[in-house]
């Protein structure tokens, strides 16, 4: 790896750590009831969608042992 040979001034980084502002940020606004209701409905919709996907997806991904057994039985009769 190549290393820099010229000095790099990092004094600005040290000054940034010590700098304190005397300006306070504005107070955070509380969410209204309508916003809270909307956020909770969105959350419930997303969670319900994931639960439904699991509910319908997991059985669809499992192999059905009864159909594979029927195929093997029909091949045995030939």
Protein backbone atom coordinates (compact mmCIF):
# COMPACT_ATOMS: atom_id res chain seq x y z
CA UNK A 1 0.00 0.00 0.00
CA UNK A 2 1.14 3.50 -0.72
CA UNK A 3 1.36 5.94 2.16
CA UNK A 4 1.14 9.68 1.93
CA UNK A 5 4.37 11.43 2.58
CA UNK A 6 3.02 14.96 2.97
CA UNK A 7 1.53 15.93 6.33
CA UNK A 8 -2.22 16.21 6.52
CA UNK A 9 -3.64 18.76 8.96
CA UNK A 10 -6.23 17.20 11.25
CA UNK A 11 -6.62 20.18 13.56
CA UNK A 12 -10.12 20.83 12.23
CA UNK A 13 -11.24 17.40 13.47
CA UNK A 14 -10.00 18.10 16.98
CA UNK A 15 -11.72 21.49 16.96
CA UNK A 16 -15.00 19.92 15.83
CA UNK A 17 -14.98 17.63 18.87
CA UNK A 18 -14.58 20.55 21.26
CA UNK A 19 -17.05 22.90 19.61
CA UNK A 20 -20.24 23.53 21.59
CA UNK A 21 -23.14 25.47 20.19
CA UNK A 22 -25.16 27.83 22.33
CA UNK A 23 -28.16 27.51 20.00
CA UNK A 24 -30.70 24.99 21.20
CA UNK A 25 -32.75 23.12 18.60
CA UNK A 26 -36.49 23.73 18.54
CA UNK A 27 -38.59 21.35 20.64
CA UNK A 28 -39.79 18.25 18.86
CA UNK A 29 -43.46 18.33 17.94
CA UNK A 30 -45.62 15.55 19.27
CA UNK A 31 -47.53 13.47 16.77
CA UNK A 32 -51.26 14.11 16.59
CA UNK A 33 -53.82 11.38 17.19
CA UNK A 34 -54.51 11.13 13.47
CA UNK A 35 -50.80 10.60 12.75
CA UNK A 36 -50.54 7.96 15.48
CA UNK A 37 -53.63 6.20 14.14
CA UNK A 38 -52.25 6.28 10.60
CA UNK A 39 -48.88 4.92 11.67
CA UNK A 40 -50.51 2.13 13.68
CA UNK A 41 -52.74 1.17 10.74
CA UNK A 42 -49.75 1.03 8.41
CA UNK A 43 -47.88 -1.12 10.95
CA UNK A 44 -50.84 -3.47 11.34
CA UNK A 45 -51.19 -3.76 7.57
CA UNK A 46 -47.53 -4.64 7.09
CA UNK A 47 -47.53 -7.15 9.97
CA UNK A 48 -50.77 -8.68 8.72
CA UNK A 49 -49.37 -9.00 5.22
CA UNK A 50 -46.25 -10.76 6.48
CA UNK A 51 -48.32 -13.08 8.67
CA UNK A 52 -50.62 -13.88 5.74
CA UNK A 53 -47.66 -14.57 3.48
CA UNK A 54 -46.29 -17.00 6.04
CA UNK A 55 -49.70 -18.57 6.59
CA UNK A 56 -50.24 -19.26 2.89
CA UNK A 57 -46.62 -19.66 1.84
CA UNK A 58 -45.34 -22.28 4.27
CA UNK A 59 -47.86 -25.01 3.32
CA UNK A 60 -47.27 -24.30 -0.36
CA UNK A 61 -43.53 -24.89 0.06
CA UNK A 62 -43.91 -28.23 1.86
CA UNK A 63 -43.81 -31.39 -0.21
CA UNK A 64 -46.96 -33.46 -0.17
CA UNK A 65 -45.93 -37.01 0.72
CA UNK A 66 -49.30 -38.52 -0.32
CA UNK A 67 -48.94 -37.47 -3.99
CA UNK A 68 -45.38 -38.75 -4.26
CA UNK A 69 -46.51 -42.07 -2.77
CA UNK A 70 -49.29 -42.40 -5.35
CA UNK A 71 -46.84 -41.84 -8.19
CA UNK A 72 -44.56 -44.55 -6.92
CA UNK A 73 -47.48 -46.98 -6.49
CA UNK A 74 -48.69 -46.43 -10.05
CA UNK A 75 -45.21 -47.06 -11.39
CA UNK A 76 -45.02 -50.28 -9.38
CA UNK A 77 -48.20 -51.63 -11.00
CA UNK A 78 -46.82 -51.30 -14.51
